[in-house]
PDB file of N, CA and C in Angstrom:
ATOM      1  N   MET A   1       0.839  -1.177   0.000  1.00  0.00           N
ATOM      2  CA  MET A   1       0.000   0.000   0.000  1.00  0.00           C
ATOM      3  C   MET A   1       0.885   1.241   0.000  1.00  0.00           C
ATOM      4  N   ASP A   2       0.671   2.134  -0.953  1.00  0.00           N
ATOM      5  CA  ASP A   2       1.438   3.365  -1.037  1.00  0.00           C
ATOM      6  C   ASP A   2       0.524   4.525  -0.644  1.00  0.00           C
ATOM      7  N   ILE A   3       0.421   4.805   0.639  1.00  0.00           N
ATOM      8  CA  ILE A   3      -0.465   5.854   1.135  1.00  0.00           C
ATOM      9  C   ILE A   3       0.334   7.137   1.303  1.00  0.00           C
ATOM     10  N   ALA A   4      -0.118   8.211   0.664  1.00  0.00           N
ATOM     11  CA  ALA A   4       0.529   9.511   0.796  1.00  0.00           C
ATOM     12  C   ALA A   4      -0.146  10.343   1.879  1.00  0.00           C
ATOM     13  N   THR A   5      -1.471  10.289   1.940  1.00  0.00           N
ATOM     14  CA  THR A   5      -2.239  11.058   2.921  1.00  0.00           C
ATOM     15  C   THR A   5      -3.296  10.157   3.541  1.00  0.00           C
ATOM     16  N   LEU A   6      -3.409  10.266   4.858  1.00  0.00           N
ATOM     17  CA  LEU A   6      -4.369   9.452   5.589  1.00  0.00           C
ATOM     18  C   LEU A   6      -5.219  10.372   6.461  1.00  0.00           C
ATOM     19  N   GLY A   7      -6.522  10.243   6.336  1.00  0.00           N
ATOM     20  CA  GLY A   7      -7.443  10.985   7.181  1.00  0.00           C
ATOM     21  C   GLY A   7      -8.021  10.060   8.230  1.00  0.00           C
ATOM     22  N   ILE A   8      -8.050  10.535   9.474  1.00  0.00           N
ATOM     23  CA  ILE A   8      -8.584   9.715  10.560  1.00  0.00           C
ATOM     24  C   ILE A   8      -9.734  10.464  11.212  1.00  0.00           C
ATOM     25  N   ASP A   9     -10.882   9.791  11.292  1.00  0.00           N
ATOM     26  CA  ASP A   9     -12.043  10.322  11.994  1.00  0.00           C
ATOM     27  C   ASP A   9     -12.063   9.680  13.372  1.00  0.00           C
ATOM     28  N   LEU A  10     -11.802  10.488  14.385  1.00  0.00           N
ATOM     29  CA  LEU A  10     -11.742   9.981  15.753  1.00  0.00           C
ATOM     30  C   LEU A  10     -13.147   9.839  16.326  1.00  0.00           C
ATOM     31  N   ALA A  11     -13.361   8.785  17.077  1.00  0.00           N
ATOM     32  CA  ALA A  11     -14.638   8.554  17.744  1.00  0.00           C
ATOM     33  C   ALA A  11     -14.352   7.897  19.089  1.00  0.00           C
ATOM     34  N   LYS A  12     -15.401   7.488  19.782  1.00  0.00           N
ATOM     35  CA  LYS A  12     -15.193   6.896  21.099  1.00  0.00           C
ATOM     36  C   LYS A  12     -14.499   5.552  21.031  1.00  0.00           C
ATOM     37  N   SER A  13     -14.972   4.668  20.179  1.00  0.00           N
ATOM     38  CA  SER A  13     -14.380   3.331  20.174  1.00  0.00           C
ATOM     39  C   SER A  13     -13.941   2.850  18.792  1.00  0.00           C
ATOM     40  N   VAL A  14     -14.536   3.343  17.713  1.00  0.00           N
ATOM     41  CA  VAL A  14     -14.180   2.906  16.369  1.00  0.00           C
ATOM     42  C   VAL A  14     -13.716   4.111  15.556  1.00  0.00           C
ATOM     43  N   PHE A  15     -12.510   4.028  14.999  1.00  0.00           N
ATOM     44  CA  PHE A  15     -11.950   5.103  14.184  1.00  0.00           C
ATOM     45  C   PHE A  15     -12.095   4.729  12.716  1.00  0.00           C
ATOM     46  N   GLN A  16     -12.392   5.715  11.878  1.00  0.00           N
ATOM     47  CA  GLN A  16     -12.483   5.517  10.430  1.00  0.00           C
ATOM     48  C   GLN A  16     -11.198   6.042   9.794  1.00  0.00           C
ATOM     49  N   LEU A  17     -10.566   5.258   8.930  1.00  0.00           N
ATOM     50  CA  LEU A  17      -9.358   5.666   8.232  1.00  0.00           C
ATOM     51  C   LEU A  17      -9.654   5.730   6.740  1.00  0.00           C
ATOM     52  N   HIS A  18      -9.133   6.774   6.092  1.00  0.00           N
ATOM     53  CA  HIS A  18      -9.338   6.976   4.655  1.00  0.00           C
ATOM     54  C   HIS A  18      -7.997   7.394   4.074  1.00  0.00           C
ATOM     55  N   GLY A  19      -7.399   6.530   3.255  1.00  0.00           N
ATOM     56  CA  GLY A  19      -6.081   6.802   2.703  1.00  0.00           C
ATOM     57  C   GLY A  19      -6.107   6.978   1.200  1.00  0.00           C
ATOM     58  N   ILE A  20      -5.295   7.940   0.723  1.00  0.00           N
ATOM     59  CA  ILE A  20      -5.163   8.162  -0.718  1.00  0.00           C
ATOM     60  C   ILE A  20      -3.684   8.138  -1.097  1.00  0.00           C
ATOM     61  N   ASP A  21      -3.415   7.828  -2.375  1.00  0.00           N
ATOM     62  CA  ASP A  21      -2.040   7.846  -2.853  1.00  0.00           C
ATOM     63  C   ASP A  21      -1.709   9.215  -3.431  1.00  0.00           C
ATOM     64  N   THR A  22      -0.561   9.355  -4.052  1.00  0.00           N
ATOM     65  CA  THR A  22      -0.122  10.648  -4.579  1.00  0.00           C
ATOM     66  C   THR A  22      -0.984  11.150  -5.729  1.00  0.00           C
ATOM     67  N   ASN A  23      -1.719  10.271  -6.393  1.00  0.00           N
ATOM     68  CA  ASN A  23      -2.600  10.658  -7.498  1.00  0.00           C
ATOM     69  C   ASN A  23      -4.011  10.982  -7.030  1.00  0.00           C
ATOM     70  N   GLY A  24      -4.288  10.834  -5.759  1.00  0.00           N
ATOM     71  CA  GLY A  24      -5.623  11.105  -5.225  1.00  0.00           C
ATOM     72  C   GLY A  24      -6.572   9.933  -5.314  1.00  0.00           C
ATOM     73  N   VAL A  25      -6.056   8.762  -5.605  1.00  0.00           N
ATOM     74  CA  VAL A  25      -6.878   7.558  -5.707  1.00  0.00           C
ATOM     75  C   VAL A  25      -7.011   6.930  -4.314  1.00  0.00           C
ATOM     76  N   VAL A  26      -8.230   6.566  -3.958  1.00  0.00           N
ATOM     77  CA  VAL A  26      -8.481   5.949  -2.660  1.00  0.00           C
ATOM     78  C   VAL A  26      -7.853   4.556  -2.636  1.00  0.00           C
ATOM     79  N   VAL A  27      -6.967   4.332  -1.657  1.00  0.00           N
ATOM     80  CA  VAL A  27      -6.314   3.027  -1.532  1.00  0.00           C
ATOM     81  C   VAL A  27      -6.638   2.333  -0.218  1.00  0.00           C
ATOM     82  N   LEU A  28      -7.308   3.057   0.698  1.00  0.00           N
ATOM     83  CA  LEU A  28      -7.622   2.458   1.988  1.00  0.00           C
ATOM     84  C   LEU A  28      -8.883   3.082   2.561  1.00  0.00           C
ATOM     85  N   GLN A  29      -9.818   2.249   2.966  1.00  0.00           N
ATOM     86  CA  GLN A  29     -10.985   2.643   3.745  1.00  0.00           C
ATOM     87  C   GLN A  29     -11.151   1.553   4.792  1.00  0.00           C
ATOM     88  N   LYS A  30     -10.957   1.939   6.060  1.00  0.00           N
ATOM     89  CA  LYS A  30     -10.905   0.916   7.093  1.00  0.00           C
ATOM     90  C   LYS A  30     -11.490   1.441   8.393  1.00  0.00           C
ATOM     91  N   LYS A  31     -12.130   0.543   9.137  1.00  0.00           N
ATOM     92  CA  LYS A  31     -12.601   0.826  10.487  1.00  0.00           C
ATOM     93  C   LYS A  31     -11.683   0.081  11.444  1.00  0.00           C
ATOM     94  N   LEU A  32     -11.208   0.788  12.470  1.00  0.00           N
ATOM     95  CA  LEU A  32     -10.355   0.146  13.462  1.00  0.00           C
ATOM     96  C   LEU A  32     -10.823   0.505  14.860  1.00  0.00           C
ATOM     97  N   ARG A  33     -10.707  -0.428  15.757  1.00  0.00           N
ATOM     98  CA  ARG A  33     -10.975  -0.139  17.163  1.00  0.00           C
ATOM     99  C   ARG A  33      -9.819   0.682  17.717  1.00  0.00           C
ATOM    100  N   ARG A  34     -10.084   1.397  18.770  1.00  0.00           N
ATOM    101  CA  ARG A  34      -9.125   2.311  19.383  1.00  0.00           C
ATOM    102  C   ARG A  34      -7.767   1.648  19.659  1.00  0.00           C
ATOM    103  N   GLY A  35      -7.764   0.457  20.191  1.00  0.00           N
ATOM    104  CA  GLY A  35      -6.523  -0.223  20.540  1.00  0.00           C
ATOM    105  C   GLY A  35      -5.710  -0.695  19.351  1.00  0.00           C
ATOM    106  N   ALA A  36      -6.339  -0.867  18.200  1.00  0.00           N
ATOM    107  CA  ALA A  36      -5.644  -1.377  17.021  1.00  0.00           C
ATOM    108  C   ALA A  36      -4.987  -0.282  16.182  1.00  0.00           C
ATOM    109  N   VAL A  37      -5.307   0.976  16.456  1.00  0.00           N
ATOM    110  CA  VAL A  37      -4.795   2.078  15.633  1.00  0.00           C
ATOM    111  C   VAL A  37      -3.269   2.206  15.709  1.00  0.00           C
ATOM    112  N   PRO A  38      -2.659   2.270  16.901  1.00  0.00           N
ATOM    113  CA  PRO A  38      -1.193   2.402  16.939  1.00  0.00           C
ATOM    114  C   PRO A  38      -0.467   1.239  16.263  1.00  0.00           C
ATOM    115  N   ASN A  39      -0.964   0.030  16.438  1.00  0.00           N
ATOM    116  CA  ASN A  39      -0.346  -1.133  15.814  1.00  0.00           C
ATOM    117  C   ASN A  39      -0.429  -1.045  14.292  1.00  0.00           C
ATOM    118  N   PHE A  40      -1.581  -0.641  13.761  1.00  0.00           N
ATOM    119  CA  PHE A  40      -1.754  -0.515  12.314  1.00  0.00           C
ATOM    120  C   PHE A  40      -0.851   0.577  11.750  1.00  0.00           C
ATOM    121  N   LEU A  41      -0.809   1.741  12.411  1.00  0.00           N
ATOM    122  CA  LEU A  41      -0.019   2.866  11.903  1.00  0.00           C
ATOM    123  C   LEU A  41       1.482   2.622  12.013  1.00  0.00           C
ATOM    124  N   SER A  42       1.906   1.795  12.951  1.00  0.00           N
ATOM    125  CA  SER A  42       3.339   1.502  13.075  1.00  0.00           C
ATOM    126  C   SER A  42       3.849   0.684  11.891  1.00  0.00           C
ATOM    127  N   LYS A  43       2.944  -0.017  11.214  1.00  0.00           N
ATOM    128  CA  LYS A  43       3.331  -0.834  10.059  1.00  0.00           C
ATOM    129  C   LYS A  43       3.356  -0.042   8.757  1.00  0.00           C
ATOM    130  N   LEU A  44       2.782   1.179   8.751  1.00  0.00           N
ATOM    131  CA  LEU A  44       2.742   2.005   7.546  1.00  0.00           C
ATOM    132  C   LEU A  44       4.013   2.821   7.393  1.00  0.00           C
ATOM    133  N   GLU A  45       4.358   3.112   6.148  1.00  0.00           N
ATOM    134  CA  GLU A  45       5.444   4.055   5.875  1.00  0.00           C
ATOM    135  C   GLU A  45       5.014   5.434   6.361  1.00  0.00           C
ATOM    136  N   PRO A  46       5.946   6.282   6.789  1.00  0.00           N
ATOM    137  CA  PRO A  46       5.570   7.629   7.238  1.00  0.00           C
ATOM    138  C   PRO A  46       4.797   8.392   6.158  1.00  0.00           C
ATOM    139  N   CYS A  47       3.693   9.006   6.556  1.00  0.00           N
ATOM    140  CA  CYS A  47       2.852   9.750   5.632  1.00  0.00           C
ATOM    141  C   CYS A  47       2.221  10.928   6.358  1.00  0.00           C
ATOM    142  N   LEU A  48       1.489  11.745   5.621  1.00  0.00           N
ATOM    143  CA  LEU A  48       0.767  12.877   6.185  1.00  0.00           C
ATOM    144  C   LEU A  48      -0.564  12.377   6.726  1.00  0.00           C
ATOM    145  N   ILE A  49      -0.859  12.708   7.971  1.00  0.00           N
ATOM    146  CA  ILE A  49      -2.102  12.270   8.600  1.00  0.00           C
ATOM    147  C   ILE A  49      -2.858  13.493   9.067  1.00  0.00           C
ATOM    148  N   GLY A  50      -4.117  13.605   8.666  1.00  0.00           N
ATOM    149  CA  GLY A  50      -4.964  14.717   9.072  1.00  0.00           C
ATOM    150  C   GLY A  50      -6.082  14.250   9.973  1.00  0.00           C
ATOM    151  N   MET A  51      -6.337  15.047  11.037  1.00  0.00           N
ATOM    152  CA  MET A  51      -7.411  14.735  11.977  1.00  0.00           C
ATOM    153  C   MET A  51      -8.093  16.036  12.375  1.00  0.00           C
ATOM    154  N   GLU A  52      -9.372  15.937  12.683  1.00  0.00           N
ATOM    155  CA  GLU A  52     -10.107  17.089  13.191  1.00  0.00           C
ATOM    156  C   GLU A  52      -9.641  17.387  14.614  1.00  0.00           C
ATOM    157  N   ALA A  53      -9.370  18.664  14.888  1.00  0.00           N
ATOM    158  CA  ALA A  53      -8.952  19.051  16.235  1.00  0.00           C
ATOM    159  C   ALA A  53     -10.133  18.918  17.189  1.00  0.00           C
ATOM    160  N   CYS A  54      -9.942  18.129  18.240  1.00  0.00           N
ATOM    161  CA  CYS A  54     -10.958  17.946  19.264  1.00  0.00           C
ATOM    162  C   CYS A  54     -10.240  17.633  20.573  1.00  0.00           C
ATOM    163  N   ALA A  55     -10.975  17.270  21.578  1.00  0.00           N
ATOM    164  CA  ALA A  55     -10.383  17.049  22.897  1.00  0.00           C
ATOM    165  C   ALA A  55      -9.328  15.943  22.890  1.00  0.00           C
ATOM    166  N   THR A  56      -9.567  14.857  22.196  1.00  0.00           N
ATOM    167  CA  THR A  56      -8.620  13.739  22.223  1.00  0.00           C
ATOM    168  C   THR A  56      -7.614  13.762  21.077  1.00  0.00           C
ATOM    169  N   SER A  57      -7.795  14.631  20.103  1.00  0.00           N
ATOM    170  CA  SER A  57      -6.916  14.619  18.933  1.00  0.00           C
ATOM    171  C   SER A  57      -5.480  14.985  19.277  1.00  0.00           C
ATOM    172  N   HIS A  58      -5.262  15.822  20.280  1.00  0.00           N
ATOM    173  CA  HIS A  58      -3.903  16.201  20.650  1.00  0.00           C
ATOM    174  C   HIS A  58      -3.139  15.009  21.221  1.00  0.00           C
ATOM    175  N   HIS A  59      -3.824  14.192  21.999  1.00  0.00           N
ATOM    176  CA  HIS A  59      -3.207  12.962  22.512  1.00  0.00           C
ATOM    177  C   HIS A  59      -2.834  12.037  21.361  1.00  0.00           C
ATOM    178  N   TRP A  60      -3.777  11.829  20.444  1.00  0.00           N
ATOM    179  CA  TRP A  60      -3.519  10.938  19.318  1.00  0.00           C
ATOM    180  C   TRP A  60      -2.439  11.492  18.405  1.00  0.00           C
ATOM    181  N   ALA A  61      -2.385  12.807  18.240  1.00  0.00           N
ATOM    182  CA  ALA A  61      -1.351  13.421  17.399  1.00  0.00           C
ATOM    183  C   ALA A  61       0.038  13.129  17.962  1.00  0.00           C
ATOM    184  N   ARG A  62       0.191  13.224  19.272  1.00  0.00           N
ATOM    185  CA  ARG A  62       1.487  12.918  19.886  1.00  0.00           C
ATOM    186  C   ARG A  62       1.842  11.443  19.720  1.00  0.00           C
ATOM    187  N   GLU A  63       0.864  10.571  19.918  1.00  0.00           N
ATOM    188  CA  GLU A  63       1.108   9.129  19.779  1.00  0.00           C
ATOM    189  C   GLU A  63       1.511   8.768  18.342  1.00  0.00           C
ATOM    190  N   ILE A  64       0.816   9.329  17.376  1.00  0.00           N
ATOM    191  CA  ILE A  64       1.077   9.012  15.967  1.00  0.00           C
ATOM    192  C   ILE A  64       2.374   9.646  15.494  1.00  0.00           C
ATOM    193  N   ALA A  65       2.666  10.868  15.927  1.00  0.00           N
ATOM    194  CA  ALA A  65       3.914  11.531  15.548  1.00  0.00           C
ATOM    195  C   ALA A  65       5.123  10.752  16.080  1.00  0.00           C
ATOM    196  N   ALA A  66       4.977  10.106  17.219  1.00  0.00           N
ATOM    197  CA  ALA A  66       6.060   9.292  17.772  1.00  0.00           C
ATOM    198  C   ALA A  66       6.380   8.098  16.877  1.00  0.00           C
ATOM    199  N   LEU A  67       5.432   7.715  16.022  1.00  0.00           N
ATOM    200  CA  LEU A  67       5.649   6.608  15.082  1.00  0.00           C
ATOM    201  C   LEU A  67       6.314   7.072  13.792  1.00  0.00           C
ATOM    202  N   GLY A  68       6.555   8.392  13.660  1.00  0.00           N
ATOM    203  CA  GLY A  68       7.259   8.920  12.488  1.00  0.00           C
ATOM    204  C   GLY A  68       6.384   9.584  11.450  1.00  0.00           C
ATOM    205  N   HIS A  69       5.098   9.688  11.693  1.00  0.00           N
ATOM    206  CA  HIS A  69       4.181  10.301  10.735  1.00  0.00           C
ATOM    207  C   HIS A  69       4.130  11.816  10.939  1.00  0.00           C
ATOM    208  N   ASP A  70       3.739  12.541   9.890  1.00  0.00           N
ATOM    209  CA  ASP A  70       3.539  13.992   9.952  1.00  0.00           C
ATOM    210  C   ASP A  70       2.052  14.222  10.215  1.00  0.00           C
ATOM    211  N   VAL A  71       1.713  14.708  11.407  1.00  0.00           N
ATOM    212  CA  VAL A  71       0.323  14.846  11.818  1.00  0.00           C
ATOM    213  C   VAL A  71      -0.093  16.306  11.747  1.00  0.00           C
ATOM    214  N   ARG A  72      -1.243  16.562  11.136  1.00  0.00           N
ATOM    215  CA  ARG A  72      -1.812  17.906  11.063  1.00  0.00           C
ATOM    216  C   ARG A  72      -3.217  17.872  11.635  1.00  0.00           C
ATOM    217  N   LEU A  73      -3.509  18.826  12.518  1.00  0.00           N
ATOM    218  CA  LEU A  73      -4.844  18.954  13.080  1.00  0.00           C
ATOM    219  C   LEU A  73      -5.595  20.028  12.329  1.00  0.00           C
ATOM    220  N   ILE A  74      -6.823  19.739  11.954  1.00  0.00           N
ATOM    221  CA  ILE A  74      -7.656  20.635  11.154  1.00  0.00           C
ATOM    222  C   ILE A  74      -8.731  21.239  12.040  1.00  0.00           C
ATOM    223  N   PRO A  75      -8.921  22.564  11.979  1.00  0.00           N
ATOM    224  CA  PRO A  75     -10.014  23.172  12.772  1.00  0.00           C
ATOM    225  C   PRO A  75     -11.361  22.593  12.356  1.00  0.00           C
ATOM    226  N   PRO A  76     -12.263  22.388  13.317  1.00  0.00           N
ATOM    227  CA  PRO A  76     -13.568  21.784  13.014  1.00  0.00           C
ATOM    228  C   PRO A  76     -14.358  22.534  11.938  1.00  0.00           C
ATOM    229  N   ALA A  77     -14.174  23.834  11.813  1.00  0.00           N
ATOM    230  CA  ALA A  77     -14.909  24.600  10.812  1.00  0.00           C
ATOM    231  C   ALA A  77     -14.523  24.214   9.386  1.00  0.00           C
ATOM    232  N   TYR A  78     -13.318  23.645   9.200  1.00  0.00           N
ATOM    233  CA  TYR A  78     -12.838  23.287   7.863  1.00  0.00           C
ATOM    234  C   TYR A  78     -13.044  21.811   7.523  1.00  0.00           C
ATOM    235  N   VAL A  79     -13.560  21.041   8.458  1.00  0.00           N
ATOM    236  CA  VAL A  79     -13.753  19.614   8.221  1.00  0.00           C
ATOM    237  C   VAL A  79     -15.097  19.388   7.526  1.00  0.00           C
ATOM    238  N   LYS A  80     -15.025  18.624   6.451  1.00  0.00           N
ATOM    239  CA  LYS A  80     -16.226  18.330   5.676  1.00  0.00           C
ATOM    240  C   LYS A  80     -16.914  17.102   6.269  1.00  0.00           C
ATOM    241  N   PRO A  81     -18.222  17.163   6.515  1.00  0.00           N
ATOM    242  CA  PRO A  81     -18.913  15.998   7.093  1.00  0.00           C
ATOM    243  C   PRO A  81     -18.951  14.810   6.126  1.00  0.00           C
TER     244      PRO A  81
END
C-alpha cells in the first residue's frame, strides 16, 4: 500500500481511516478499534495524517507523531462531514 495522505475520523471506540495515494486515488478505507490504531499505523510508511482538532486529537497526534508520521490537526470549521 502506497499511502501519501491518511485521514482519521476519531470517535469513542471505532476510528475511520481513509487513505489516498499521490494521485488522489483511494487506496484504503478501514474501520479500526481504538486499541488497534497504533499497531496498524506503526506498520505504515511515514505519511501525512490529518485529523479534526478535538479534545482527544492532541493525545492521538502525539502518539502518531512518535511513530514517524507527519500529523496535522484541522479546525472543526474546515472539516467536511
